[in-house]
Amino acid sequence: MPACPEAALSKTKFKMGERVVFTSGTVGRPGADDGYTIVRILPLEGGEQQYRIKSASEQHERVATESQLDRRT
């Protein structure tokens, strides 16, 4: 029997509404200075959790993997 989606979501590193820093790495567009908010928890892709994130200073949302995000200090 497959695991219920709610159980999978409860094991994610970040929660909906949590403020994070996007570390895009050396490739891609740089992230916003004011940080991001987790707006949706997406399914795993390639074994890594994905999130939809949004910055107040950008009009668009981004998709980021868990390894591209850090907790805001």
PDB file of N, CA and C in Angstrom:
ATOM      1  N   MET A   1       0.853  -1.177   0.000  1.00  0.00           N
ATOM      2  CA  MET A   1       0.000   0.000   0.000  1.00  0.00           C
ATOM      3  C   MET A   1       0.897   1.238   0.000  1.00  0.00           C
ATOM      4  N   PRO A   2       0.662   2.234  -0.903  1.00  0.00           N
ATOM      5  CA  PRO A   2       1.501   3.424  -0.940  1.00  0.00           C
ATOM      6  C   PRO A   2       1.302   4.284   0.301  1.00  0.00           C
ATOM      7  N   ALA A   3       2.353   4.972   0.678  1.00  0.00           N
ATOM      8  CA  ALA A   3       2.281   5.879   1.832  1.00  0.00           C
ATOM      9  C   ALA A   3       1.335   7.027   1.507  1.00  0.00           C
ATOM     10  N   CYS A   4       0.642   7.513   2.505  1.00  0.00           N
ATOM     11  CA  CYS A   4      -0.285   8.619   2.260  1.00  0.00           C
ATOM     12  C   CYS A   4       0.505   9.910   2.036  1.00  0.00           C
ATOM     13  N   PRO A   5       0.028  10.799   1.156  1.00  0.00           N
ATOM     14  CA  PRO A   5       0.744  12.033   0.849  1.00  0.00           C
ATOM     15  C   PRO A   5       0.984  12.904   2.078  1.00  0.00           C
ATOM     16  N   GLU A   6       0.049  12.905   3.008  1.00  0.00           N
ATOM     17  CA  GLU A   6       0.205  13.726   4.209  1.00  0.00           C
ATOM     18  C   GLU A   6       1.419  13.278   5.024  1.00  0.00           C
ATOM     19  N   ALA A   7       1.662  11.982   5.084  1.00  0.00           N
ATOM     20  CA  ALA A   7       2.818  11.466   5.821  1.00  0.00           C
ATOM     21  C   ALA A   7       4.108  11.895   5.145  1.00  0.00           C
ATOM     22  N   ALA A   8       4.137  11.863   3.812  1.00  0.00           N
ATOM     23  CA  ALA A   8       5.340  12.275   3.079  1.00  0.00           C
ATOM     24  C   ALA A   8       5.618  13.756   3.296  1.00  0.00           C
ATOM     25  N   LEU A   9       4.589  14.583   3.279  1.00  0.00           N
ATOM     26  CA  LEU A   9       4.775  16.020   3.463  1.00  0.00           C
ATOM     27  C   LEU A   9       5.261  16.364   4.856  1.00  0.00           C
ATOM     28  N   SER A  10       4.888  15.564   5.847  1.00  0.00           N
ATOM     29  CA  SER A  10       5.297  15.871   7.216  1.00  0.00           C
ATOM     30  C   SER A  10       6.783  15.629   7.431  1.00  0.00           C
ATOM     31  N   LYS A  11       7.455  14.935   6.494  1.00  0.00           N
ATOM     32  CA  LYS A  11       8.874  14.633   6.626  1.00  0.00           C
ATOM     33  C   LYS A  11       9.755  15.585   5.834  1.00  0.00           C
ATOM     34  N   THR A  12       9.195  16.641   5.270  1.00  0.00           N
ATOM     35  CA  THR A  12       9.994  17.580   4.504  1.00  0.00           C
ATOM     36  C   THR A  12      10.796  18.476   5.441  1.00  0.00           C
ATOM     37  N   LYS A  13      11.926  18.958   4.947  1.00  0.00           N
ATOM     38  CA  LYS A  13      12.802  19.819   5.744  1.00  0.00           C
ATOM     39  C   LYS A  13      12.154  21.179   6.015  1.00  0.00           C
ATOM     40  N   PHE A  14      11.425  21.696   5.021  1.00  0.00           N
ATOM     41  CA  PHE A  14      10.794  23.006   5.130  1.00  0.00           C
ATOM     42  C   PHE A  14       9.278  22.858   5.100  1.00  0.00           C
ATOM     43  N   LYS A  15       8.597  23.773   5.738  1.00  0.00           N
ATOM     44  CA  LYS A  15       7.132  23.758   5.826  1.00  0.00           C
ATOM     45  C   LYS A  15       6.545  24.917   5.023  1.00  0.00           C
ATOM     46  N   MET A  16       5.282  24.785   4.655  1.00  0.00           N
ATOM     47  CA  MET A  16       4.577  25.870   3.965  1.00  0.00           C
ATOM     48  C   MET A  16       4.632  27.131   4.823  1.00  0.00           C
ATOM     49  N   GLY A  17       4.895  28.261   4.182  1.00  0.00           N
ATOM     50  CA  GLY A  17       4.947  29.536   4.879  1.00  0.00           C
ATOM     51  C   GLY A  17       6.299  29.857   5.501  1.00  0.00           C
ATOM     52  N   GLU A  18       7.197  28.895   5.520  1.00  0.00           N
ATOM     53  CA  GLU A  18       8.520  29.124   6.123  1.00  0.00           C
ATOM     54  C   GLU A  18       9.362  30.029   5.227  1.00  0.00           C
ATOM     55  N   ARG A  19      10.129  30.921   5.854  1.00  0.00           N
ATOM     56  CA  ARG A  19      11.030  31.827   5.127  1.00  0.00           C
ATOM     57  C   ARG A  19      12.370  31.126   4.930  1.00  0.00           C
ATOM     58  N   VAL A  20      12.886  31.199   3.692  1.00  0.00           N
ATOM     59  CA  VAL A  20      14.134  30.520   3.346  1.00  0.00           C
ATOM     60  C   VAL A  20      15.006  31.423   2.481  1.00  0.00           C
ATOM     61  N   VAL A  21      16.265  31.014   2.335  1.00  0.00           N
ATOM     62  CA  VAL A  21      17.208  31.664   1.429  1.00  0.00           C
ATOM     63  C   VAL A  21      17.440  30.715   0.267  1.00  0.00           C
ATOM     64  N   PHE A  22      17.388  31.238  -0.953  1.00  0.00           N
ATOM     65  CA  PHE A  22      17.605  30.447  -2.162  1.00  0.00           C
ATOM     66  C   PHE A  22      19.061  30.573  -2.575  1.00  0.00           C
ATOM     67  N   THR A  23      19.751  29.458  -2.680  1.00  0.00           N
ATOM     68  CA  THR A  23      21.150  29.439  -3.112  1.00  0.00           C
ATOM     69  C   THR A  23      21.191  28.781  -4.481  1.00  0.00           C
ATOM     70  N   SER A  24      21.133  29.591  -5.519  1.00  0.00           N
ATOM     71  CA  SER A  24      21.010  29.062  -6.877  1.00  0.00           C
ATOM     72  C   SER A  24      22.283  28.409  -7.383  1.00  0.00           C
ATOM     73  N   GLY A  25      23.396  28.601  -6.710  1.00  0.00           N
ATOM     74  CA  GLY A  25      24.656  28.040  -7.183  1.00  0.00           C
ATOM     75  C   GLY A  25      25.272  28.912  -8.251  1.00  0.00           C
ATOM     76  N   THR A  26      26.172  28.360  -9.041  1.00  0.00           N
ATOM     77  CA  THR A  26      26.881  29.155 -10.047  1.00  0.00           C
ATOM     78  C   THR A  26      26.126  29.269 -11.353  1.00  0.00           C
ATOM     79  N   VAL A  27      25.130  28.411 -11.565  1.00  0.00           N
ATOM     80  CA  VAL A  27      24.351  28.438 -12.795  1.00  0.00           C
ATOM     81  C   VAL A  27      22.947  28.937 -12.474  1.00  0.00           C
ATOM     82  N   GLY A  28      22.406  29.761 -13.352  1.00  0.00           N
ATOM     83  CA  GLY A  28      21.036  30.231 -13.150  1.00  0.00           C
ATOM     84  C   GLY A  28      20.997  31.665 -12.649  1.00  0.00           C
ATOM     85  N   ARG A  29      19.800  32.158 -12.522  1.00  0.00           N
ATOM     86  CA  ARG A  29      19.586  33.536 -12.082  1.00  0.00           C
ATOM     87  C   ARG A  29      19.797  33.641 -10.577  1.00  0.00           C
ATOM     88  N   PRO A  30      20.420  34.732 -10.135  1.00  0.00           N
ATOM     89  CA  PRO A  30      20.619  34.892  -8.688  1.00  0.00           C
ATOM     90  C   PRO A  30      19.292  35.065  -7.962  1.00  0.00           C
ATOM     91  N   GLY A  31      19.281  34.689  -6.705  1.00  0.00           N
ATOM     92  CA  GLY A  31      18.076  34.809  -5.893  1.00  0.00           C
ATOM     93  C   GLY A  31      17.869  36.219  -5.377  1.00  0.00           C
ATOM     94  N   ALA A  32      16.670  36.495  -4.900  1.00  0.00           N
ATOM     95  CA  ALA A  32      16.335  37.802  -4.337  1.00  0.00           C
ATOM     96  C   ALA A  32      17.009  37.972  -2.983  1.00  0.00           C
ATOM     97  N   ASP A  33      17.397  39.197  -2.683  1.00  0.00           N
ATOM     98  CA  ASP A  33      18.081  39.490  -1.424  1.00  0.00           C
ATOM     99  C   ASP A  33      17.173  39.374  -0.209  1.00  0.00           C
ATOM    100  N   ASP A  34      15.866  39.558  -0.412  1.00  0.00           N
ATOM    101  CA  ASP A  34      14.946  39.560   0.729  1.00  0.00           C
ATOM    102  C   ASP A  34      14.448  38.170   1.119  1.00  0.00           C
ATOM    103  N   GLY A  35      14.956  37.127   0.474  1.00  0.00           N
ATOM    104  CA  GLY A  35      14.560  35.768   0.820  1.00  0.00           C
ATOM    105  C   GLY A  35      13.260  35.362   0.156  1.00  0.00           C
ATOM    106  N   TYR A  36      12.822  34.152   0.486  1.00  0.00           N
ATOM    107  CA  TYR A  36      11.659  33.545  -0.144  1.00  0.00           C
ATOM    108  C   TYR A  36      10.769  32.898   0.898  1.00  0.00           C
ATOM    109  N   THR A  37       9.532  32.681   0.511  1.00  0.00           N
ATOM    110  CA  THR A  37       8.571  31.958   1.330  1.00  0.00           C
ATOM    111  C   THR A  37       8.186  30.681   0.591  1.00  0.00           C
ATOM    112  N   ILE A  38       8.125  29.564   1.314  1.00  0.00           N
ATOM    113  CA  ILE A  38       7.663  28.305   0.729  1.00  0.00           C
ATOM    114  C   ILE A  38       6.160  28.442   0.492  1.00  0.00           C
ATOM    115  N   VAL A  39       5.738  28.364  -0.772  1.00  0.00           N
ATOM    116  CA  VAL A  39       4.309  28.494  -1.079  1.00  0.00           C
ATOM    117  C   VAL A  39       3.655  27.163  -1.424  1.00  0.00           C
ATOM    118  N   ARG A  40       4.479  26.153  -1.771  1.00  0.00           N
ATOM    119  CA  ARG A  40       3.913  24.835  -2.076  1.00  0.00           C
ATOM    120  C   ARG A  40       5.011  23.783  -1.953  1.00  0.00           C
ATOM    121  N   ILE A  41       4.661  22.649  -1.429  1.00  0.00           N
ATOM    122  CA  ILE A  41       5.571  21.513  -1.365  1.00  0.00           C
ATOM    123  C   ILE A  41       5.235  20.612  -2.547  1.00  0.00           C
ATOM    124  N   LEU A  42       6.220  20.372  -3.381  1.00  0.00           N
ATOM    125  CA  LEU A  42       6.023  19.616  -4.612  1.00  0.00           C
ATOM    126  C   LEU A  42       6.490  18.168  -4.433  1.00  0.00           C
ATOM    127  N   PRO A  43       6.145  17.307  -5.374  1.00  0.00           N
ATOM    128  CA  PRO A  43       6.593  15.915  -5.298  1.00  0.00           C
ATOM    129  C   PRO A  43       8.110  15.802  -5.458  1.00  0.00           C
ATOM    130  N   LEU A  44       8.626  14.672  -5.023  1.00  0.00           N
ATOM    131  CA  LEU A  44      10.044  14.374  -5.217  1.00  0.00           C
ATOM    132  C   LEU A  44      10.342  14.281  -6.703  1.00  0.00           C
ATOM    133  N   GLU A  45      11.542  14.718  -7.081  1.00  0.00           N
ATOM    134  CA  GLU A  45      12.012  14.516  -8.444  1.00  0.00           C
ATOM    135  C   GLU A  45      13.467  14.094  -8.371  1.00  0.00           C
ATOM    136  N   GLY A  46      13.770  12.951  -8.918  1.00  0.00           N
ATOM    137  CA  GLY A  46      15.126  12.433  -8.843  1.00  0.00           C
ATOM    138  C   GLY A  46      15.548  12.136  -7.409  1.00  0.00           C
ATOM    139  N   GLY A  47      14.581  11.815  -6.560  1.00  0.00           N
ATOM    140  CA  GLY A  47      14.869  11.492  -5.166  1.00  0.00           C
ATOM    141  C   GLY A  47      15.047  12.698  -4.265  1.00  0.00           C
ATOM    142  N   GLU A  48      14.843  13.909  -4.794  1.00  0.00           N
ATOM    143  CA  GLU A  48      15.010  15.113  -3.980  1.00  0.00           C
ATOM    144  C   GLU A  48      13.703  15.892  -3.882  1.00  0.00           C
ATOM    145  N   GLN A  49      13.423  16.379  -2.685  1.00  0.00           N
ATOM    146  CA  GLN A  49      12.212  17.165  -2.448  1.00  0.00           C
ATOM    147  C   GLN A  49      12.301  18.484  -3.200  1.00  0.00           C
ATOM    148  N   GLN A  50      11.176  18.904  -3.785  1.00  0.00           N
ATOM    149  CA  GLN A  50      11.113  20.189  -4.461  1.00  0.00           C
ATOM    150  C   GLN A  50      10.076  21.079  -3.794  1.00  0.00           C
ATOM    151  N   TYR A  51      10.288  22.380  -3.928  1.00  0.00           N
ATOM    152  CA  TYR A  51       9.405  23.379  -3.340  1.00  0.00           C
ATOM    153  C   TYR A  51       9.150  24.485  -4.353  1.00  0.00           C
ATOM    154  N   ARG A  52       7.969  25.070  -4.285  1.00  0.00           N
ATOM    155  CA  ARG A  52       7.684  26.297  -5.033  1.00  0.00           C
ATOM    156  C   ARG A  52       7.882  27.440  -4.037  1.00  0.00           C
ATOM    157  N   ILE A  53       8.703  28.418  -4.432  1.00  0.00           N
ATOM    158  CA  ILE A  53       9.038  29.524  -3.542  1.00  0.00           C
ATOM    159  C   ILE A  53       8.695  30.852  -4.201  1.00  0.00           C
ATOM    160  N   LYS A  54       8.460  31.871  -3.373  1.00  0.00           N
ATOM    161  CA  LYS A  54       8.068  33.200  -3.872  1.00  0.00           C
ATOM    162  C   LYS A  54       8.727  34.267  -3.028  1.00  0.00           C
ATOM    163  N   SER A  55       9.277  35.264  -3.719  1.00  0.00           N
ATOM    164  CA  SER A  55       9.837  36.441  -3.057  1.00  0.00           C
ATOM    165  C   SER A  55       8.893  37.618  -3.278  1.00  0.00           C
ATOM    166  N   ALA A  56       8.780  38.480  -2.292  1.00  0.00           N
ATOM    167  CA  ALA A  56       7.934  39.671  -2.427  1.00  0.00           C
ATOM    168  C   ALA A  56       8.486  40.616  -3.490  1.00  0.00           C
ATOM    169  N   SER A  57       9.788  40.544  -3.777  1.00  0.00           N
ATOM    170  CA  SER A  57      10.405  41.462  -4.731  1.00  0.00           C
ATOM    171  C   SER A  57      10.423  40.918  -6.169  1.00  0.00           C
ATOM    172  N   GLU A  58       9.888  39.730  -6.387  1.00  0.00           N
ATOM    173  CA  GLU A  58       9.822  39.157  -7.733  1.00  0.00           C
ATOM    174  C   GLU A  58       8.371  38.850  -8.083  1.00  0.00           C
ATOM    175  N   GLN A  59       8.024  39.025  -9.346  1.00  0.00           N
ATOM    176  CA  GLN A  59       6.652  38.763  -9.769  1.00  0.00           C
ATOM    177  C   GLN A  59       6.375  37.290 -10.000  1.00  0.00           C
ATOM    178  N   HIS A  60       7.416  36.507 -10.187  1.00  0.00           N
ATOM    179  CA  HIS A  60       7.252  35.090 -10.510  1.00  0.00           C
ATOM    180  C   HIS A  60       7.590  34.209  -9.313  1.00  0.00           C
ATOM    181  N   GLU A  61       7.149  32.966  -9.387  1.00  0.00           N
ATOM    182  CA  GLU A  61       7.536  31.958  -8.406  1.00  0.00           C
ATOM    183  C   GLU A  61       8.669  31.133  -9.005  1.00  0.00           C
ATOM    184  N   ARG A  62       9.425  30.473  -8.163  1.00  0.00           N
ATOM    185  CA  ARG A  62      10.511  29.597  -8.600  1.00  0.00           C
ATOM    186  C   ARG A  62      10.263  28.203  -8.049  1.00  0.00           C
ATOM    187  N   VAL A  63      10.851  27.221  -8.710  1.00  0.00           N
ATOM    188  CA  VAL A  63      10.898  25.862  -8.183  1.00  0.00           C
ATOM    189  C   VAL A  63      12.334  25.624  -7.756  1.00  0.00           C
ATOM    190  N   ALA A  64      12.513  25.161  -6.532  1.00  0.00           N
ATOM    191  CA  ALA A  64      13.848  24.913  -5.992  1.00  0.00           C
ATOM    192  C   ALA A  64      13.881  23.548  -5.331  1.00  0.00           C
ATOM    193  N   THR A  65      15.021  22.914  -5.405  1.00  0.00           N
ATOM    194  CA  THR A  65      15.208  21.651  -4.702  1.00  0.00           C
ATOM    195  C   THR A  65      15.615  21.937  -3.267  1.00  0.00           C
ATOM    196  N   GLU A  66      15.453  20.951  -2.415  1.00  0.00           N
ATOM    197  CA  GLU A  66      15.786  21.121  -1.000  1.00  0.00           C
ATOM    198  C   GLU A  66      17.245  21.526  -0.816  1.00  0.00           C
ATOM    199  N   SER A  67      18.135  21.013  -1.658  1.00  0.00           N
ATOM    200  CA  SER A  67      19.557  21.336  -1.536  1.00  0.00           C
ATOM    201  C   SER A  67      19.875  22.774  -1.932  1.00  0.00           C
ATOM    202  N   GLN A  68      18.949  23.459  -2.601  1.00  0.00           N
ATOM    203  CA  GLN A  68      19.149  24.852  -2.989  1.00  0.00           C
ATOM    204  C   GLN A  68      18.604  25.828  -1.948  1.00  0.00           C
ATOM    205  N   LEU A  69      18.055  25.336  -0.849  1.00  0.00           N
ATOM    206  CA  LEU A  69      17.433  26.184   0.144  1.00  0.00           C
ATOM    207  C   LEU A  69      18.126  26.052   1.492  1.00  0.00           C
ATOM    208  N   ASP A  70      18.166  27.163   2.215  1.00  0.00           N
ATOM    209  CA  ASP A  70      18.675  27.182   3.587  1.00  0.00           C
ATOM    210  C   ASP A  70      17.683  27.925   4.459  1.00  0.00           C
ATOM    211  N   ARG A  71      17.705  27.588   5.734  1.00  0.00           N
ATOM    212  CA  ARG A  71      16.856  28.317   6.674  1.00  0.00           C
ATOM    213  C   ARG A  71      17.359  29.752   6.805  1.00  0.00           C
ATOM    214  N   ARG A  72      16.444  30.643   6.924  1.00  0.00           N
ATOM    215  CA  ARG A  72      16.791  32.057   7.071  1.00  0.00           C
ATOM    216  C   ARG A  72      17.228  32.313   8.501  1.00  0.00           C
ATOM    217  N   THR A  73      18.357  33.018   8.658  1.00  0.00           N
ATOM    218  CA  THR A  73      18.852  33.309  10.007  1.00  0.00           C
ATOM    219  C   THR A  73      18.589  34.728  10.416  1.00  0.00           C
TER     220      THR A  73
END
